[in-house]
Amino acid sequence: MEDNLHATACNDPAAAANVTFFSDLVRCETRLYNMLNDLQRSRHGIAASQFEFLRHLRGHPGARVADLAEFFAIGVGATSKGIDRLEGRGWVRRIPNPADRRSSLLELTDAGRALVDDAETTFAAITELIQAVLEPAQFDAAADALRTLRTALERDKIGNPVG
């Protein structure tokens, strides 16, 4: 399969551009995420994924595990385990969902809110790096393109995990 993709890309400039775009997109995401992970761990003792969960919950109090799983396009089981770890550290609490006994609503504790607010300052390093590399017009164009692509993927439910 990969050989066919490579052969197609070699013979078709548009296909080659798509392969390069995808590779660049994934490699940039991986490197930025790894940078964020390293900084968050060293400065705050949390992983980038924990920061993202806390950040999302700060802006969406009362979200359910299923809501986080959908937003982050990850499995419910992995999301629940991640929340278990945050709850175990005293940063998140589950409260009964009055509309559905089978689920809980999630909210940050005071300690969780303080942590994510502090960790937000570390996230600024990503912004600084991007601003040092991209001109404002390049950033705006990339942000618009990614927003459009993400909107289409989410609308069409492409890439959602199974289960």
Protein backbone atom coordinates (compact mmCIF):
# COMPACT_ATOMS: atom_id res chain seq x y z
CA MET A 1 0.00 0.00 0.00
CA GLU A 2 2.73 2.46 0.99
CA ASP A 3 4.66 1.55 -2.18
CA ASN A 4 1.56 2.31 -4.27
CA LEU A 5 1.16 5.66 -2.52
CA HIS A 6 4.81 6.47 -3.12
CA ALA A 7 4.59 5.40 -6.78
CA THR A 8 1.43 7.46 -7.29
CA ALA A 9 3.03 10.48 -5.64
CA CYS A 10 6.14 10.16 -7.79
CA ASN A 11 4.04 10.15 -10.98
CA ASP A 12 1.47 12.77 -9.98
CA PRO A 13 2.60 16.18 -8.72
CA ALA A 14 -0.77 16.82 -7.01
CA ALA A 15 -0.54 13.49 -5.17
CA ALA A 16 3.05 14.30 -4.18
CA ALA A 17 1.90 17.65 -2.81
CA ASN A 18 -0.83 15.90 -0.79
CA VAL A 19 1.66 13.41 0.65
CA THR A 20 4.03 16.24 1.57
CA PHE A 21 1.23 18.32 3.09
CA PHE A 22 0.03 15.41 5.22
CA SER A 23 3.56 14.55 6.33
CA ASP A 24 4.34 18.18 7.19
CA LEU A 25 1.05 18.57 9.08
CA VAL A 26 1.57 15.45 11.17
CA ARG A 27 5.25 16.13 11.87
CA CYS A 28 4.52 19.73 12.95
CA GLU A 29 1.68 18.57 15.21
CA THR A 30 3.88 15.87 16.74
CA ARG A 31 6.79 18.21 17.38
CA LEU A 32 4.61 20.96 18.86
CA TYR A 33 2.76 18.46 21.04
CA ASN A 34 6.03 16.92 22.23
CA MET A 35 7.34 20.39 23.05
CA LEU A 36 4.18 21.20 25.02
CA ASN A 37 4.34 17.84 26.79
CA ASP A 38 7.97 18.35 27.83
CA LEU A 39 7.32 21.89 29.07
CA GLN A 40 4.15 20.98 30.97
CA ARG A 41 5.83 17.99 32.61
CA SER A 42 8.93 19.91 33.66
CA ARG A 43 7.11 23.02 34.89
CA HIS A 44 3.80 21.65 36.22
CA GLY A 45 4.12 17.87 36.53
CA ILE A 46 1.36 17.18 34.00
CA ALA A 47 1.25 15.75 30.51
CA ALA A 48 0.02 17.77 27.55
CA SER A 49 -3.07 15.55 27.39
CA GLN A 50 -3.86 16.34 31.03
CA PHE A 51 -3.44 20.05 30.33
CA GLU A 52 -5.82 19.76 27.39
CA PHE A 53 -8.46 17.97 29.46
CA LEU A 54 -8.18 20.53 32.27
CA ARG A 55 -8.27 23.41 29.80
CA HIS A 56 -11.37 22.02 28.10
CA LEU A 57 -13.14 21.46 31.41
CA ARG A 58 -12.33 25.01 32.51
CA GLY A 59 -14.24 26.27 29.49
CA HIS A 60 -16.95 23.59 29.59
CA PRO A 61 -17.95 22.92 33.20
CA GLY A 62 -20.47 20.12 33.46
CA ALA A 63 -19.09 18.25 30.44
CA ARG A 64 -19.37 14.47 30.48
CA VAL A 65 -16.60 11.99 29.68
CA ALA A 66 -18.37 11.27 26.39
CA ASP A 67 -18.28 14.99 25.54
CA LEU A 68 -14.52 15.10 26.03
CA ALA A 69 -14.05 11.92 24.00
CA GLU A 70 -16.03 13.42 21.14
CA PHE A 71 -14.21 16.75 21.27
CA PHE A 72 -10.76 15.15 21.30
CA ALA A 73 -11.75 12.33 18.89
CA ILE A 74 -10.49 9.65 21.27
CA GLY A 75 -12.13 6.61 22.81
CA VAL A 76 -14.46 6.91 25.78
CA GLY A 77 -12.42 4.33 27.73
CA ALA A 78 -9.17 6.27 27.32
CA THR A 79 -10.95 9.48 28.23
CA SER A 80 -12.46 7.93 31.35
CA LYS A 81 -9.05 6.62 32.47
CA GLY A 82 -7.56 10.07 31.91
CA ILE A 83 -10.29 11.65 34.03
CA ASP A 84 -9.74 8.98 36.70
CA ARG A 85 -6.10 10.10 36.95
CA LEU A 86 -7.07 13.77 37.17
CA GLU A 87 -9.69 12.96 39.79
CA GLY A 88 -7.13 10.93 41.74
CA ARG A 89 -4.84 13.95 41.87
CA GLY A 90 -7.65 16.16 43.13
CA TRP A 91 -7.96 18.33 40.02
CA VAL A 92 -11.35 17.13 38.74
CA ARG A 93 -14.47 15.86 40.44
CA ARG A 94 -17.38 13.88 39.11
CA ILE A 95 -20.83 14.97 40.18
CA PRO A 96 -24.05 13.04 39.54
CA ASN A 97 -25.79 13.95 36.30
CA PRO A 98 -29.37 14.83 37.25
CA ALA A 99 -30.52 14.14 33.68
CA ASP A 100 -28.89 10.70 33.38
CA ARG A 101 -27.83 8.54 36.32
CA ARG A 102 -25.52 6.52 34.08
CA SER A 103 -23.16 9.44 33.58
CA SER A 104 -21.43 12.06 35.67
CA LEU A 105 -20.76 15.70 35.05
CA LEU A 106 -17.18 16.86 35.36
CA GLU A 107 -15.88 20.00 36.97
CA LEU A 108 -12.52 21.37 37.99
CA THR A 109 -11.67 21.60 41.65
CA ASP A 110 -10.07 24.79 42.92
CA ALA A 111 -6.71 23.04 42.69
CA GLY A 112 -7.44 21.97 39.11
CA ARG A 113 -8.43 25.49 38.13
CA ALA A 114 -5.28 26.94 39.69
CA LEU A 115 -3.14 24.33 37.92
CA VAL A 116 -4.62 24.91 34.48
CA ASP A 117 -4.42 28.68 34.90
CA ASP A 118 -0.73 28.36 35.83
CA ALA A 119 -0.06 25.85 33.04
CA GLU A 120 -1.69 28.22 30.54
CA THR A 121 1.32 30.50 30.91
CA THR A 122 3.53 27.63 29.74
CA PHE A 123 1.29 27.10 26.71
CA ALA A 124 2.33 30.60 25.62
CA ALA A 125 5.70 29.11 24.58
CA ILE A 126 3.93 27.41 21.66
CA THR A 127 2.44 30.75 20.60
CA GLU A 128 5.82 32.45 20.85
CA LEU A 129 7.48 29.76 18.73
CA ILE A 130 4.81 29.94 16.04
CA GLN A 131 4.90 33.74 15.98
CA ALA A 132 8.70 33.68 15.65
CA VAL A 133 8.44 31.46 12.56
CA LEU A 134 5.25 32.55 10.78
CA GLU A 135 4.24 36.00 9.60
CA PRO A 136 0.79 37.06 10.85
CA ALA A 137 -0.74 36.53 7.39
CA GLN A 138 0.77 33.03 7.19
CA PHE A 139 -0.58 32.21 10.63
CA ASP A 140 -4.04 33.51 9.73
CA ALA A 141 -4.10 31.53 6.47
CA ALA A 142 -2.96 28.33 8.19
CA ALA A 143 -5.47 28.80 11.02
CA ASP A 144 -8.30 29.36 8.52
CA ALA A 145 -7.32 26.31 6.47
CA LEU A 146 -7.08 24.04 9.52
CA ARG A 147 -10.38 25.34 10.92
CA THR A 148 -12.09 24.63 7.59
CA LEU A 149 -10.59 21.14 7.39
CA ARG A 150 -11.47 20.35 11.02
CA THR A 151 -15.04 21.60 10.55
CA ALA A 152 -15.52 19.32 7.54
CA LEU A 153 -14.00 16.31 9.31
CA GLU A 154 -16.18 16.83 12.38
CA ARG A 155 -19.32 17.53 10.34
CA ASP A 156 -18.85 14.34 8.34
CA LYS A 157 -17.74 12.38 11.42
CA ILE A 158 -14.48 11.39 9.77
CA GLY A 159 -11.80 9.92 12.02
CA ASN A 160 -13.98 9.29 15.04
CA PRO A 161 -12.75 6.35 17.09
CA VAL A 162 -14.82 3.19 17.15
CA GLY A 163 -16.10 2.31 20.62
